[in-house]
Amino acid sequence: MYQTKLSTLSFKVIRLAVFLNLVMATGCGFQPLYSHGGGNSSHVLNQLSRIQINPIENRTGQILRNFLQDKLTPSGVPSSPTRKLTISLKETRSDMAILRDSTSTFAKVKMDAKYQLVNIETKNVLDSGTVTSTTVFNIVSSEYANLSAQKDARRRTLRIISDLIKERLALFFLKNHK
């Protein structure tokens, strides 16, 4: 009997705590950045969808551009873009965990992406910055496995960079919403 009262009491306390958290969260001004509702979030999505992404050098740049197009303009290339995004990539690979025979068992891929958002009409730079991402992969005795692992590490890094650039641009549009 005492156990039943305790479990009923703890259930009521948990329900009350969840309710209070929900009430407090709605009062703090929390607002999702990418929601499809009204207000600032739909403004951010609208502004992101009007960005023209310039071609980026080499195959790695092409992959990054494709990731960004999927994230920023999921409905396709904008018919009348208002802003242009230019990106330059720098990739470095470092071998880690070097053994006595001068072989490596671990490698790190680091990418730096410098981006610039420019107003197409005025040619003014609206936002710029650098994002960096690092991933690692194992080096094994099979050369094919190493190439595949490095390719996968590169793709993971590019996906992270595309997420970071989207977040920065979304925050820029949210901050400058008038």
Protein backbone atom coordinates (compact mmCIF):
# COMPACT_ATOMS: atom_id res chain seq x y z
CA MET A 1 0.00 0.00 0.00
CA TYR A 2 2.81 2.40 0.90
CA GLN A 3 4.56 1.53 -2.42
CA THR A 4 1.40 2.39 -4.41
CA LYS A 5 1.07 5.80 -2.73
CA LEU A 6 4.75 6.54 -3.37
CA SER A 7 4.55 5.63 -7.07
CA THR A 8 1.35 7.68 -7.49
CA LEU A 9 2.98 10.63 -5.77
CA SER A 10 6.15 10.39 -7.87
CA PHE A 11 4.04 10.15 -11.05
CA LYS A 12 2.19 13.34 -10.06
CA VAL A 13 5.47 15.14 -9.34
CA ILE A 14 6.88 14.12 -12.73
CA ARG A 15 3.72 15.30 -14.51
CA LEU A 16 3.89 18.62 -12.68
CA ALA A 17 7.59 19.03 -13.57
CA VAL A 18 6.93 18.33 -17.26
CA PHE A 19 4.03 20.77 -17.29
CA LEU A 20 6.09 23.51 -15.64
CA ASN A 21 8.94 22.98 -18.10
CA LEU A 22 6.56 23.32 -21.04
CA VAL A 23 5.06 26.50 -19.63
CA MET A 24 8.49 27.98 -18.98
CA ALA A 25 9.78 27.06 -22.46
CA THR A 26 6.90 28.84 -24.19
CA GLY A 27 7.51 31.97 -22.13
CA CYS A 28 11.25 32.21 -22.76
CA GLY A 29 10.93 33.24 -26.40
CA PHE A 30 12.28 29.99 -27.87
CA GLN A 31 11.59 29.83 -31.58
CA PRO A 32 12.76 27.13 -34.02
CA LEU A 33 15.14 28.50 -36.63
CA TYR A 34 13.90 26.52 -39.64
CA SER A 35 10.23 25.88 -38.93
CA HIS A 36 7.75 26.25 -41.77
CA GLY A 37 5.38 28.34 -39.66
CA GLY A 38 5.03 32.09 -39.77
CA GLY A 39 7.27 34.89 -38.59
CA ASN A 40 11.04 34.95 -38.61
CA SER A 41 11.51 31.27 -39.44
CA SER A 42 9.64 31.46 -42.75
CA HIS A 43 11.62 34.63 -43.51
CA VAL A 44 14.88 32.73 -42.96
CA LEU A 45 13.81 29.85 -45.22
CA ASN A 46 12.72 32.31 -47.90
CA GLN A 47 16.04 34.15 -47.79
CA LEU A 48 18.05 30.92 -47.88
CA SER A 49 16.12 29.72 -50.92
CA ARG A 50 17.11 32.86 -52.87
CA ILE A 51 20.86 32.26 -52.69
CA GLN A 52 22.80 31.40 -55.84
CA ILE A 53 25.71 29.10 -55.00
CA ASN A 54 28.70 29.67 -57.26
CA PRO A 55 30.62 26.64 -58.54
CA ILE A 56 33.43 25.56 -56.22
CA GLU A 57 36.77 24.32 -57.52
CA ASN A 58 37.46 20.56 -58.05
CA ARG A 59 35.45 17.45 -57.14
CA THR A 60 35.48 18.18 -53.41
CA GLY A 61 33.98 21.60 -54.10
CA GLN A 62 31.34 20.06 -56.34
CA ILE A 63 30.27 17.73 -53.54
CA LEU A 64 30.08 20.65 -51.08
CA ARG A 65 28.05 22.70 -53.56
CA ASN A 66 25.60 19.81 -54.01
CA PHE A 67 25.19 19.46 -50.23
CA LEU A 68 24.57 23.20 -49.93
CA GLN A 69 22.05 23.22 -52.77
CA ASP A 70 20.14 20.42 -51.08
CA LYS A 71 20.09 22.35 -47.79
CA LEU A 72 19.63 25.94 -48.94
CA THR A 73 17.52 25.56 -52.08
CA PRO A 74 15.71 22.21 -51.81
CA SER A 75 13.13 23.32 -54.41
CA GLY A 76 15.83 23.80 -57.03
CA VAL A 77 18.01 26.61 -58.32
CA PRO A 78 16.35 29.99 -57.59
CA SER A 79 14.88 31.70 -60.67
CA SER A 80 15.67 35.20 -59.40
CA PRO A 81 18.43 34.99 -56.79
CA THR A 82 19.15 38.06 -54.68
CA ARG A 83 22.41 36.88 -53.14
CA LYS A 84 25.47 34.98 -54.29
CA LEU A 85 27.48 32.57 -52.14
CA THR A 86 31.17 32.10 -52.99
CA ILE A 87 33.24 29.45 -51.23
CA SER A 88 36.90 28.46 -51.34
CA LEU A 89 38.06 25.19 -49.81
CA LYS A 90 41.39 24.14 -48.34
CA GLU A 91 41.92 20.48 -47.49
CA THR A 92 44.78 19.04 -45.45
CA ARG A 93 45.52 15.45 -44.54
CA SER A 94 47.74 14.56 -41.61
CA ASP A 95 48.96 11.07 -40.81
CA MET A 96 48.74 10.32 -37.12
CA ALA A 97 49.96 7.44 -34.93
CA ILE A 98 53.18 6.87 -36.86
CA LEU A 99 54.79 3.52 -36.12
CA ARG A 100 58.51 2.64 -35.86
CA ASP A 101 58.62 1.54 -39.49
CA SER A 102 57.38 5.02 -40.56
CA THR A 103 53.91 3.79 -41.44
CA SER A 104 50.77 5.37 -40.18
CA THR A 105 47.63 3.71 -38.84
CA PHE A 106 45.46 6.77 -38.47
CA ALA A 107 44.86 9.89 -40.59
CA LYS A 108 43.04 13.17 -40.10
CA VAL A 109 41.26 15.14 -42.84
CA LYS A 110 40.75 18.82 -42.10
CA MET A 111 38.85 21.24 -44.30
CA ASP A 112 38.60 24.99 -44.07
CA ALA A 113 35.88 26.71 -46.06
CA LYS A 114 35.94 30.48 -46.51
CA TYR A 115 32.56 31.77 -47.59
CA GLN A 116 31.24 35.12 -48.71
CA LEU A 117 27.61 36.12 -49.16
CA VAL A 118 27.26 39.00 -51.63
CA ASN A 119 24.21 41.05 -52.61
CA ILE A 120 23.85 40.58 -56.38
CA GLU A 121 22.50 44.09 -57.02
CA THR A 122 24.85 46.20 -54.90
CA LYS A 123 27.87 43.84 -54.89
CA ASN A 124 28.18 44.48 -51.13
CA VAL A 125 29.54 41.67 -48.95
CA LEU A 126 26.74 40.88 -46.51
CA ASP A 127 28.38 38.11 -44.52
CA SER A 128 31.65 36.22 -44.59
CA GLY A 129 33.50 33.77 -42.46
CA THR A 130 35.46 30.56 -42.21
CA VAL A 131 34.18 27.21 -41.04
CA THR A 132 36.39 24.25 -40.21
CA SER A 133 35.72 20.57 -39.79
CA THR A 134 37.98 17.63 -39.05
CA THR A 135 37.34 13.92 -39.37
CA VAL A 136 39.58 10.88 -39.02
CA PHE A 137 39.94 7.49 -40.62
CA ASN A 138 41.99 4.33 -40.08
CA ILE A 139 44.77 3.35 -42.45
CA VAL A 140 44.94 -0.37 -43.15
CA SER A 141 47.03 -2.59 -45.41
CA SER A 142 44.57 -2.46 -48.33
CA GLU A 143 45.11 0.57 -50.57
CA TYR A 144 41.52 0.38 -51.85
CA ALA A 145 40.18 0.42 -48.29
CA ASN A 146 42.36 3.45 -47.51
CA LEU A 147 41.09 5.36 -50.55
CA SER A 148 37.52 4.48 -49.68
CA ALA A 149 37.99 5.50 -46.04
CA GLN A 150 39.57 8.82 -47.05
CA LYS A 151 36.74 9.49 -49.52
CA ASP A 152 34.18 8.77 -46.79
CA ALA A 153 36.01 11.02 -44.30
CA ARG A 154 36.06 13.79 -46.90
CA ARG A 155 32.29 13.45 -47.50
CA ARG A 156 31.58 13.52 -43.75
CA THR A 157 33.67 16.65 -43.40
CA LEU A 158 31.89 18.33 -46.32
CA ARG A 159 28.48 17.46 -44.89
CA ILE A 160 29.45 19.06 -41.56
CA ILE A 161 30.77 22.15 -43.36
CA SER A 162 27.53 22.49 -45.33
CA ASP A 163 25.56 22.31 -42.07
CA LEU A 164 27.78 24.94 -40.46
CA ILE A 165 27.47 27.31 -43.42
CA LYS A 166 23.69 26.90 -43.48
CA GLU A 167 23.51 27.65 -39.74
CA ARG A 168 25.66 30.75 -40.07
CA LEU A 169 23.63 32.07 -43.00
CA ALA A 170 20.35 31.35 -41.20
CA LEU A 171 21.57 33.21 -38.13
CA PHE A 172 22.67 36.10 -40.34
CA PHE A 173 19.19 36.37 -41.89
CA LEU A 174 17.50 36.01 -38.49
CA LYS A 175 19.71 38.70 -36.95
CA ASN A 176 19.20 41.10 -39.88
CA HIS A 177 15.45 40.54 -40.28
CA LYS A 178 13.66 43.87 -40.36
